[in-house]
C-alpha atoms as a PDB file:
ATOM      1  CA  MET A   1       0.000   0.000   0.000  1.00  0.00           C
ATOM      2  CA  PRO A   2       2.781   2.551   0.688  1.00  0.00           C
ATOM      3  CA  HIS A   3       4.060   2.006  -2.856  1.00  0.00           C
ATOM      4  CA  ALA A   4       0.678   3.006  -4.261  1.00  0.00           C
ATOM      5  CA  GLN A   5       0.701   6.246  -2.254  1.00  0.00           C
ATOM      6  CA  LEU A   6       4.241   6.987  -3.378  1.00  0.00           C
ATOM      7  CA  LEU A   7       3.289   6.345  -7.005  1.00  0.00           C
ATOM      8  CA  LEU A   8       0.185   8.553  -6.700  1.00  0.00           C
ATOM      9  CA  THR A   9       2.251  11.342  -5.138  1.00  0.00           C
ATOM     10  CA  ALA A  10       4.846  11.092  -7.903  1.00  0.00           C
ATOM     11  CA  LEU A  11       2.162  11.261 -10.595  1.00  0.00           C
ATOM     12  CA  MET A  12       0.537  14.316  -9.014  1.00  0.00           C
ATOM     13  CA  LEU A  13       3.905  16.050  -8.659  1.00  0.00           C
ATOM     14  CA  SER A  14       4.821  15.388 -12.285  1.00  0.00           C
ATOM     15  CA  ALA A  15       1.397  16.663 -13.439  1.00  0.00           C
ATOM     16  CA  LEU A  16       1.880  19.896 -11.497  1.00  0.00           C
ATOM     17  CA  LEU A  17       5.371  20.426 -12.888  1.00  0.00           C
ATOM     18  CA  THR A  18       4.457  19.768 -16.529  1.00  0.00           C
ATOM     19  CA  ALA A  19       1.270  21.888 -16.562  1.00  0.00           C
ATOM     20  CA  PRO A  20       3.114  25.204 -17.196  1.00  0.00           C
ATOM     21  CA  ALA A  21       4.957  23.599 -20.127  1.00  0.00           C
ATOM     22  CA  VAL A  22       1.720  23.277 -22.112  1.00  0.00           C
ATOM     23  CA  ALA A  23       0.831  26.963 -21.802  1.00  0.00           C
ATOM     24  CA  LYS A  24      -0.084  28.718 -25.053  1.00  0.00           C
ATOM     25  CA  LEU A  25       2.594  30.923 -26.586  1.00  0.00           C
ATOM     26  CA  PRO A  26       1.754  34.447 -27.738  1.00  0.00           C
ATOM     27  CA  ALA A  27       1.159  35.046 -31.439  1.00  0.00           C
ATOM     28  CA  PRO A  28       4.320  35.935 -33.381  1.00  0.00           C
ATOM     29  CA  SER A  29       4.833  39.555 -34.386  1.00  0.00           C
ATOM     30  CA  ASP A  30       4.659  40.724 -37.996  1.00  0.00           C
ATOM     31  CA  GLU A  31       8.464  40.930 -38.087  1.00  0.00           C
ATOM     32  CA  ALA A  32       8.762  37.338 -36.888  1.00  0.00           C
ATOM     33  CA  LYS A  33       6.245  36.181 -39.497  1.00  0.00           C
ATOM     34  CA  ALA A  34       8.129  38.001 -42.277  1.00  0.00           C
ATOM     35  CA  LYS A  35      11.435  36.531 -41.097  1.00  0.00           C
ATOM     36  CA  ALA A  36       9.911  33.043 -41.068  1.00  0.00           C
ATOM     37  CA  VAL A  37       8.639  33.470 -44.634  1.00  0.00           C
ATOM     38  CA  ALA A  38      12.069  34.694 -45.779  1.00  0.00           C
ATOM     39  CA  THR A  39      13.782  31.776 -44.045  1.00  0.00           C
ATOM     40  CA  ALA A  40      11.367  29.295 -45.657  1.00  0.00           C
ATOM     41  CA  ALA A  41      12.063  30.788 -49.104  1.00  0.00           C
ATOM     42  CA  LYS A  42      15.825  30.602 -48.548  1.00  0.00           C
ATOM     43  CA  THR A  43      15.521  26.981 -47.360  1.00  0.00           C
ATOM     44  CA  ALA A  44      13.434  26.006 -50.396  1.00  0.00           C
ATOM     45  CA  TRP A  45      16.037  27.573 -52.704  1.00  0.00           C
ATOM     46  CA  SER A  46      18.846  25.762 -50.841  1.00  0.00           C
ATOM     47  CA  ASP A  47      16.982  22.473 -51.334  1.00  0.00           C
ATOM     48  CA  LYS A  48      16.727  23.149 -55.081  1.00  0.00           C
ATOM     49  CA  VAL A  49      20.450  23.943 -55.261  1.00  0.00           C
ATOM     50  CA  GLY A  50      21.229  20.708 -53.399  1.00  0.00           C
ATOM     51  CA  GLY A  51      19.076  18.729 -55.834  1.00  0.00           C
ATOM     52  CA  TYR A  52      20.823  20.366 -58.798  1.00  0.00           C
ATOM     53  CA  GLN A  53      24.268  19.584 -57.391  1.00  0.00           C
ATOM     54  CA  LEU A  54      23.226  15.981 -56.685  1.00  0.00           C
ATOM     55  CA  CYS A  55      21.946  15.617 -60.259  1.00  0.00           C
ATOM     56  CA  GLN A  56      25.263  16.897 -61.654  1.00  0.00           C
ATOM     57  CA  ALA A  57      27.244  14.556 -59.379  1.00  0.00           C
ATOM     58  CA  MET A  58      25.174  11.549 -60.488  1.00  0.00           C
ATOM     59  CA  ASN A  59      25.768  12.472 -64.141  1.00  0.00           C
ATOM     60  CA  ARG A  60      29.531  12.731 -63.549  1.00  0.00           C
ATOM     61  CA  VAL A  61      29.595   9.330 -61.819  1.00  0.00           C
ATOM     62  CA  ALA A  62      27.586   7.717 -64.641  1.00  0.00           C
ATOM     63  CA  ASP A  63      29.876   9.257 -67.283  1.00  0.00           C
ATOM     64  CA  GLY A  64      32.968   8.048 -65.409  1.00  0.00           C
ATOM     65  CA  TYR A  65      31.516   4.537 -65.139  1.00  0.00           C
ATOM     66  CA  ARG A  66      30.795   4.424 -68.881  1.00  0.00           C
ATOM     67  CA  ARG A  67      34.307   5.699 -69.746  1.00  0.00           C
ATOM     68  CA  ASN A  68      35.978   3.129 -67.469  1.00  0.00           C
ATOM     69  CA  ALA A  69      33.765   0.287 -68.703  1.00  0.00           C
ATOM     70  CA  THR A  70      34.416   1.184 -72.338  1.00  0.00           C
ATOM     71  CA  ALA A  71      38.184   1.496 -71.722  1.00  0.00           C
ATOM     72  CA  SER A  72      38.312  -1.960 -70.149  1.00  0.00           C
ATOM     73  CA  ASN A  73      36.204  -3.522 -72.943  1.00  0.00           C
ATOM     74  CA  LYS A  74      33.229  -4.328 -70.688  1.00  0.00           C
ATOM     75  CA  ALA A  75      29.652  -4.374 -71.875  1.00  0.00           C
ATOM     76  CA  VAL A  76      27.985  -1.032 -71.155  1.00  0.00           C
ATOM     77  CA  PRO A  77      24.204  -1.109 -70.646  1.00  0.00           C
ATOM     78  CA  ALA A  78      22.063   1.389 -72.521  1.00  0.00           C
ATOM     79  CA  ALA A  79      21.637   4.747 -70.830  1.00  0.00           C
ATOM     80  CA  ILE A  80      18.309   5.484 -69.182  1.00  0.00           C
ATOM     81  CA  GLU A  81      16.640   8.738 -70.213  1.00  0.00           C
ATOM     82  CA  THR A  82      16.386  11.082 -67.259  1.00  0.00           C
ATOM     83  CA  PRO A  83      15.254  14.699 -67.095  1.00  0.00           C
ATOM     84  CA  ALA A  84      17.994  17.282 -67.486  1.00  0.00           C
ATOM     85  CA  CYS A  85      19.380  18.964 -64.376  1.00  0.00           C
ATOM     86  CA  SER A  86      17.716  22.338 -63.879  1.00  0.00           C
ATOM     87  CA  ASP A  87      19.763  25.138 -62.332  1.00  0.00           C
ATOM     88  CA  PRO A  88      17.669  27.125 -59.802  1.00  0.00           C
ATOM     89  CA  GLY A  89      19.789  30.252 -60.369  1.00  0.00           C
ATOM     90  CA  PRO A  90      20.806  32.739 -57.697  1.00  0.00           C
ATOM     91  CA  PHE A  91      18.600  33.353 -54.672  1.00  0.00           C
ATOM     92  CA  VAL A  92      16.300  36.327 -55.102  1.00  0.00           C
ATOM     93  CA  ALA A  93      14.577  37.550 -51.960  1.00  0.00           C
ATOM     94  CA  ALA A  94      10.945  38.504 -52.369  1.00  0.00           C
ATOM     95  CA  PRO A  95      10.363  42.249 -52.017  1.00  0.00           C
ATOM     96  CA  ALA A  96       9.017  43.322 -48.646  1.00  0.00           C
ATOM     97  CA  ALA A  97       5.276  43.702 -48.706  1.00  0.00           C
ATOM     98  CA  THR A  98       4.028  47.215 -48.039  1.00  0.00           C
ATOM     99  CA  PRO A  99       1.668  47.403 -45.080  1.00  0.00           C
ATOM    100  CA  PRO A 100      -1.960  48.306 -45.779  1.00  0.00           C
ATOM    101  CA  LEU A 101      -3.039  51.890 -45.132  1.00  0.00           C
ATOM    102  CA  GLU A 102      -4.622  50.945 -41.809  1.00  0.00           C
ATOM    103  CA  ALA A 103      -1.313  49.575 -40.531  1.00  0.00           C
ATOM    104  CA  SER A 104       0.760  52.484 -41.825  1.00  0.00           C
ATOM    105  CA  GLY A 105      -0.943  55.080 -39.603  1.00  0.00           C
ATOM    106  CA  ALA A 106      -2.435  57.041 -42.533  1.00  0.00           C
ATOM    107  CA  HIS A 107      -5.741  57.392 -40.710  1.00  0.00           C
ATOM    108  CA  SER A 108      -4.223  58.781 -37.516  1.00  0.00           C
ATOM    109  CA  PRO A 109      -4.677  62.491 -36.703  1.00  0.00           C
ATOM    110  CA  ALA A 110      -1.647  64.720 -37.162  1.00  0.00           C
ATOM    111  CA  THR A 111      -1.786  66.197 -33.650  1.00  0.00           C
ATOM    112  CA  MET A 112      -2.588  64.900 -30.214  1.00  0.00           C
ATOM    113  CA  ALA A 113      -6.121  65.532 -28.941  1.00  0.00           C
ATOM    114  CA  VAL A 114      -6.303  68.052 -26.096  1.00  0.00           C
ATOM    115  CA  ALA A 115     -10.017  67.697 -25.389  1.00  0.00           C
ATOM    116  CA  PRO A 116     -12.512  64.873 -25.637  1.00  0.00           C
ATOM    117  CA  PRO A 117     -14.215  64.638 -29.038  1.00  0.00           C
ATOM    118  CA  SER A 118     -17.707  64.924 -27.577  1.00  0.00           C
ATOM    119  CA  SER A 119     -19.469  67.813 -25.866  1.00  0.00           C
ATOM    120  CA  LYS A 120     -22.901  68.461 -24.367  1.00  0.00           C
ATOM    121  CA  ALA A 121     -23.812  70.976 -27.071  1.00  0.00           C
ATOM    122  CA  THR A 122     -26.376  69.887 -29.620  1.00  0.00           C
ATOM    123  CA  ALA A 123     -25.726  69.905 -33.348  1.00  0.00           C
ATOM    124  CA  ALA A 124     -27.913  72.994 -33.733  1.00  0.00           C
ATOM    125  CA  GLU A 125     -25.911  74.864 -31.100  1.00  0.00           C
ATOM    126  CA  LEU A 126     -22.663  73.889 -32.757  1.00  0.00           C
ATOM    127  CA  GLN A 127     -23.939  75.306 -36.061  1.00  0.00           C
ATOM    128  CA  GLY A 128     -25.048  78.572 -34.441  1.00  0.00           C
ATOM    129  CA  GLN A 129     -28.765  77.895 -34.719  1.00  0.00           C
ATOM    130  CA  PRO A 130     -31.144  78.299 -31.764  1.00  0.00           C
ATOM    131  CA  LYS A 131     -32.172  75.172 -29.861  1.00  0.00           C
ATOM    132  CA  LYS A 132     -35.792  74.141 -30.431  1.00  0.00           C
END
């Protein structure tokens, strides 16, 4: 019976210690999102470059095998048609997206407000007309 209590205590302690680890993280900022997109684009380009380099290396190995086999008078099997290696070219970063007008502050007033926008005067009083 004491082992069961010890096991129960250990389980409760581990549950209490791991609960903060499952807390929700705050949403990433716009800068972090843009950086993640740029990193993903760079990684995708790097993968394409790696595939291109692997394709070239396989072609060099196959050509070397055929040369050596021909030089030593061995039978060379027919070549298998494969797609040509495609060079991905240099990395070009996508231009930074311009923020929409709402995010750029275009709608904000030029000066700070010194009084509240509302008053107790009626619209007629504000226009100089007598109150009915």
